[in-house]
Structures are given as C-alpha cells and as structure tokens.
Amino acid sequence: MATLNDNQIEIYDEKGNKYLMEILLTFESEDYGATYAFIYDKSNPDEVILMKYKDDGSIEEVTNEEELNMGSEVLEAYNEDPKIQEIK
C-alpha cells in the first residue's frame, strides 16, 4: 500500500495485483480506536469500499459487521451533507 497524494492510494490484492484507488474520505472512530477510509475505483465510482488503517500503516478491508454499519452511517451523513452536495 502506498499513499500517492491526498486523494489516491495503491492497494494490492491477495495475488499481488496493484490497483490505483481514489480516496473519497477518511475519518476516525473513537469507539473503535481506528482510522478509516472510503475508497473507490474511478472506473466504478458507485462501489465504495470501507478500509481500516492498521497500526503498522497498512490498510485492510473492513469485514466486521458492526464497523460496516458504523461506516454506512458515516457515508450516509457525508452524502446528505448540504456542503458536500454543493461541491459535487
């Protein structure tokens, strides 16, 4: 994983294939004591993936149902924010 700039990140799958992903937003959760990022591929912007930064700086896809629910709430609030809608 490598952060290229404020809006892009390279990730690798289990086979070592590299993907350039866009970062939609990052946020911290005090409840889970972690930093998260919503990422997506420009070729498929409707498919947003919730990732979590690990202590060593790497990033992994979130699979925990409670964290996914929390992430859904954050993404919904983000999408409903009038200031964000003005920018889009």
N, C-alpha and C. Protein backbone atom coordinates (compact mmCIF):
# COMPACT_ATOMS: atom_id res chain seq x y z
N MET A 1 0.84 -1.16 0.00
CA MET A 1 0.00 0.00 0.00
C MET A 1 0.88 1.22 0.00
N ALA A 2 0.53 2.19 -0.82
CA ALA A 2 1.26 3.45 -0.85
C ALA A 2 0.28 4.58 -1.09
N THR A 3 0.38 5.61 -0.27
CA THR A 3 -0.44 6.79 -0.49
C THR A 3 0.30 7.67 -1.49
N LEU A 4 -0.33 7.97 -2.61
CA LEU A 4 0.32 8.74 -3.66
C LEU A 4 0.14 10.23 -3.47
N ASN A 5 -1.03 10.62 -3.02
CA ASN A 5 -1.32 12.01 -2.70
C ASN A 5 -2.54 12.01 -1.79
N ASP A 6 -3.13 13.16 -1.56
CA ASP A 6 -4.26 13.23 -0.64
C ASP A 6 -5.49 12.49 -1.14
N ASN A 7 -5.55 12.18 -2.42
CA ASN A 7 -6.77 11.60 -2.99
C ASN A 7 -6.60 10.21 -3.59
N GLN A 8 -5.39 9.67 -3.60
CA GLN A 8 -5.18 8.37 -4.24
C GLN A 8 -4.34 7.45 -3.35
N ILE A 9 -4.57 6.16 -3.52
CA ILE A 9 -3.82 5.15 -2.78
C ILE A 9 -3.67 3.92 -3.66
N GLU A 10 -2.53 3.25 -3.57
CA GLU A 10 -2.33 1.99 -4.26
C GLU A 10 -2.60 0.86 -3.27
N ILE A 11 -3.40 -0.11 -3.70
CA ILE A 11 -3.63 -1.28 -2.87
C ILE A 11 -3.33 -2.52 -3.69
N TYR A 12 -3.10 -3.62 -3.01
CA TYR A 12 -2.77 -4.88 -3.66
C TYR A 12 -3.75 -5.95 -3.19
N ASP A 13 -4.15 -6.82 -4.10
CA ASP A 13 -5.00 -7.94 -3.70
C ASP A 13 -4.12 -9.11 -3.26
N GLU A 14 -4.76 -10.22 -2.91
CA GLU A 14 -4.03 -11.38 -2.39
C GLU A 14 -3.11 -12.00 -3.43
N LYS A 15 -3.32 -11.70 -4.71
CA LYS A 15 -2.46 -12.23 -5.77
C LYS A 15 -1.33 -11.27 -6.12
N GLY A 16 -1.29 -10.12 -5.46
CA GLY A 16 -0.24 -9.14 -5.72
C GLY A 16 -0.57 -8.15 -6.82
N ASN A 17 -1.79 -8.19 -7.34
CA ASN A 17 -2.20 -7.22 -8.36
C ASN A 17 -2.38 -5.85 -7.73
N LYS A 18 -1.87 -4.83 -8.39
CA LYS A 18 -1.91 -3.47 -7.87
C LYS A 18 -3.10 -2.72 -8.46
N TYR A 19 -3.77 -1.92 -7.61
CA TYR A 19 -4.90 -1.10 -8.04
C TYR A 19 -4.71 0.32 -7.54
N LEU A 20 -4.96 1.27 -8.40
CA LEU A 20 -4.94 2.67 -8.01
C LEU A 20 -6.37 3.06 -7.65
N MET A 21 -6.56 3.44 -6.41
CA MET A 21 -7.90 3.76 -5.90
C MET A 21 -7.96 5.23 -5.50
N GLU A 22 -9.14 5.77 -5.60
CA GLU A 22 -9.40 7.14 -5.16
C GLU A 22 -9.90 7.11 -3.72
N ILE A 23 -9.47 8.06 -2.92
CA ILE A 23 -9.95 8.18 -1.55
C ILE A 23 -11.10 9.17 -1.53
N LEU A 24 -12.28 8.70 -1.14
CA LEU A 24 -13.45 9.55 -1.05
C LEU A 24 -13.38 10.40 0.20
N LEU A 25 -13.13 9.75 1.34
CA LEU A 25 -12.99 10.46 2.61
C LEU A 25 -12.35 9.54 3.63
N THR A 26 -11.74 10.16 4.63
CA THR A 26 -11.19 9.42 5.76
C THR A 26 -11.83 9.97 7.02
N PHE A 27 -11.89 9.13 8.05
CA PHE A 27 -12.43 9.56 9.33
C PHE A 27 -11.89 8.69 10.44
N GLU A 28 -11.94 9.20 11.65
CA GLU A 28 -11.51 8.45 12.82
C GLU A 28 -12.73 8.08 13.65
N SER A 29 -12.67 6.91 14.27
CA SER A 29 -13.72 6.47 15.16
C SER A 29 -13.14 6.29 16.55
N GLU A 30 -13.63 7.07 17.50
CA GLU A 30 -13.21 6.91 18.88
C GLU A 30 -13.72 5.59 19.44
N ASP A 31 -14.91 5.17 19.02
CA ASP A 31 -15.49 3.92 19.50
C ASP A 31 -14.61 2.71 19.17
N TYR A 32 -14.02 2.72 18.00
CA TYR A 32 -13.21 1.59 17.56
C TYR A 32 -11.71 1.89 17.63
N GLY A 33 -11.36 3.13 17.97
CA GLY A 33 -9.95 3.49 18.09
C GLY A 33 -9.17 3.28 16.81
N ALA A 34 -9.79 3.64 15.68
CA ALA A 34 -9.16 3.39 14.39
C ALA A 34 -9.47 4.51 13.40
N THR A 35 -8.66 4.57 12.35
CA THR A 35 -8.88 5.49 11.24
C THR A 35 -9.34 4.68 10.04
N TYR A 36 -10.34 5.20 9.36
CA TYR A 36 -10.96 4.50 8.23
C TYR A 36 -10.89 5.38 6.98
N ALA A 37 -11.01 4.72 5.82
CA ALA A 37 -11.08 5.42 4.55
C ALA A 37 -12.09 4.73 3.65
N PHE A 38 -12.88 5.54 2.98
CA PHE A 38 -13.73 5.02 1.91
C PHE A 38 -12.96 5.21 0.63
N ILE A 39 -12.78 4.12 -0.13
CA ILE A 39 -12.05 4.20 -1.39
C ILE A 39 -12.92 3.64 -2.51
N TYR A 40 -12.55 4.01 -3.74
CA TYR A 40 -13.28 3.51 -4.91
C TYR A 40 -12.37 3.55 -6.12
N ASP A 41 -12.72 2.79 -7.12
CA ASP A 41 -12.03 2.77 -8.40
C ASP A 41 -12.75 3.75 -9.32
N LYS A 42 -11.99 4.61 -10.00
CA LYS A 42 -12.61 5.59 -10.90
C LYS A 42 -13.50 4.94 -11.95
N SER A 43 -13.17 3.73 -12.36
CA SER A 43 -13.96 3.06 -13.38
C SER A 43 -15.28 2.52 -12.82
N ASN A 44 -15.42 2.50 -11.49
CA ASN A 44 -16.64 2.02 -10.86
C ASN A 44 -16.91 2.84 -9.59
N PRO A 45 -17.23 4.13 -9.75
CA PRO A 45 -17.35 5.01 -8.58
C PRO A 45 -18.53 4.70 -7.66
N ASP A 46 -19.47 3.88 -8.11
CA ASP A 46 -20.61 3.54 -7.26
C ASP A 46 -20.27 2.46 -6.23
N GLU A 47 -19.16 1.77 -6.42
CA GLU A 47 -18.76 0.72 -5.49
C GLU A 47 -17.69 1.28 -4.54
N VAL A 48 -18.13 1.66 -3.36
CA VAL A 48 -17.26 2.25 -2.35
C VAL A 48 -16.90 1.17 -1.33
N ILE A 49 -15.63 1.11 -0.98
CA ILE A 49 -15.12 0.09 -0.06
C ILE A 49 -14.62 0.77 1.21
N LEU A 50 -15.00 0.23 2.36
CA LEU A 50 -14.53 0.75 3.64
C LEU A 50 -13.26 0.01 4.03
N MET A 51 -12.20 0.77 4.25
CA MET A 51 -10.91 0.23 4.64
C MET A 51 -10.53 0.78 6.02
N LYS A 52 -9.68 0.03 6.72
CA LYS A 52 -9.21 0.47 8.04
C LYS A 52 -7.69 0.46 8.04
N TYR A 53 -7.12 1.58 8.55
CA TYR A 53 -5.67 1.66 8.69
C TYR A 53 -5.26 0.86 9.92
N LYS A 54 -4.23 0.04 9.77
CA LYS A 54 -3.69 -0.75 10.87
C LYS A 54 -2.55 0.02 11.53
N ASP A 55 -2.12 -0.42 12.70
CA ASP A 55 -1.07 0.27 13.45
C ASP A 55 0.24 0.39 12.67
N ASP A 56 0.52 -0.57 11.80
CA ASP A 56 1.77 -0.53 11.03
C ASP A 56 1.68 0.34 9.78
N GLY A 57 0.54 1.02 9.59
CA GLY A 57 0.37 1.91 8.44
C GLY A 57 -0.25 1.24 7.24
N SER A 58 -0.40 -0.06 7.27
CA SER A 58 -1.05 -0.75 6.15
C SER A 58 -2.56 -0.55 6.26
N ILE A 59 -3.28 -1.00 5.26
CA ILE A 59 -4.72 -0.81 5.21
C ILE A 59 -5.37 -2.14 4.85
N GLU A 60 -6.53 -2.40 5.45
CA GLU A 60 -7.23 -3.64 5.16
C GLU A 60 -8.72 -3.36 5.01
N GLU A 61 -9.38 -4.19 4.22
CA GLU A 61 -10.82 -4.05 4.03
C GLU A 61 -11.55 -4.42 5.31
N VAL A 62 -12.57 -3.64 5.64
CA VAL A 62 -13.36 -3.90 6.84
C VAL A 62 -14.39 -4.98 6.51
N THR A 63 -14.45 -6.00 7.36
CA THR A 63 -15.42 -7.08 7.19
C THR A 63 -16.31 -7.24 8.42
N ASN A 64 -15.93 -6.60 9.52
CA ASN A 64 -16.70 -6.67 10.77
C ASN A 64 -18.03 -5.96 10.58
N GLU A 65 -19.13 -6.65 10.85
CA GLU A 65 -20.47 -6.11 10.61
C GLU A 65 -20.74 -4.82 11.38
N GLU A 66 -20.30 -4.74 12.62
CA GLU A 66 -20.52 -3.52 13.41
C GLU A 66 -19.79 -2.33 12.82
N GLU A 67 -18.54 -2.55 12.39
CA GLU A 67 -17.78 -1.48 11.76
C GLU A 67 -18.39 -1.08 10.42
N LEU A 68 -18.87 -2.07 9.66
CA LEU A 68 -19.52 -1.76 8.39
C LEU A 68 -20.78 -0.93 8.60
N ASN A 69 -21.56 -1.25 9.63
CA ASN A 69 -22.76 -0.46 9.94
C ASN A 69 -22.39 0.97 10.33
N MET A 70 -21.35 1.12 11.15
CA MET A 70 -20.88 2.44 11.52
C MET A 70 -20.43 3.20 10.28
N GLY A 71 -19.70 2.53 9.40
CA GLY A 71 -19.25 3.16 8.17
C GLY A 71 -20.41 3.58 7.28
N SER A 72 -21.45 2.76 7.22
CA SER A 72 -22.63 3.11 6.42
C SER A 72 -23.28 4.39 6.93
N GLU A 73 -23.33 4.53 8.25
CA GLU A 73 -23.89 5.75 8.84
C GLU A 73 -23.05 6.97 8.50
N VAL A 74 -21.73 6.82 8.55
CA VAL A 74 -20.83 7.93 8.20
C VAL A 74 -21.00 8.31 6.74
N LEU A 75 -21.05 7.31 5.86
CA LEU A 75 -21.19 7.58 4.43
C LEU A 75 -22.54 8.23 4.13
N GLU A 76 -23.58 7.79 4.79
CA GLU A 76 -24.90 8.39 4.60
C GLU A 76 -24.90 9.85 5.03
N ALA A 77 -24.30 10.14 6.19
CA ALA A 77 -24.21 11.53 6.66
C ALA A 77 -23.40 12.38 5.69
N TYR A 78 -22.32 11.82 5.18
CA TYR A 78 -21.48 12.52 4.20
C TYR A 78 -22.30 12.85 2.95
N ASN A 79 -23.03 11.88 2.44
CA ASN A 79 -23.81 12.08 1.22
C ASN A 79 -24.98 13.03 1.41
N GLU A 80 -25.45 13.19 2.63
CA GLU A 80 -26.58 14.09 2.90
C GLU A 80 -26.13 15.49 3.31
N ASP A 81 -24.86 15.70 3.54
CA ASP A 81 -24.35 16.99 3.97
C ASP A 81 -24.54 18.02 2.85
N PRO A 82 -25.28 19.10 3.12
CA PRO A 82 -25.53 20.09 2.07
C PRO A 82 -24.25 20.73 1.52
N LYS A 83 -23.24 20.92 2.34
CA LYS A 83 -22.00 21.49 1.86
C LYS A 83 -21.31 20.55 0.87
N ILE A 84 -21.37 19.26 1.14
CA ILE A 84 -20.80 18.28 0.23
C ILE A 84 -21.57 18.29 -1.09
N GLN A 85 -22.88 18.38 -1.02
CA GLN A 85 -23.71 18.38 -2.21
C GLN A 85 -23.39 19.58 -3.10
N GLU A 86 -23.07 20.74 -2.49
CA GLU A 86 -22.70 21.91 -3.27
C GLU A 86 -21.42 21.67 -4.06
N ILE A 87 -20.47 20.95 -3.47
CA ILE A 87 -19.19 20.68 -4.11
C ILE A 87 -19.35 19.72 -5.27
N LYS A 88 -20.22 18.72 -5.09
CA LYS A 88 -20.43 17.71 -6.13
C LYS A 88 -21.01 18.38 -7.32
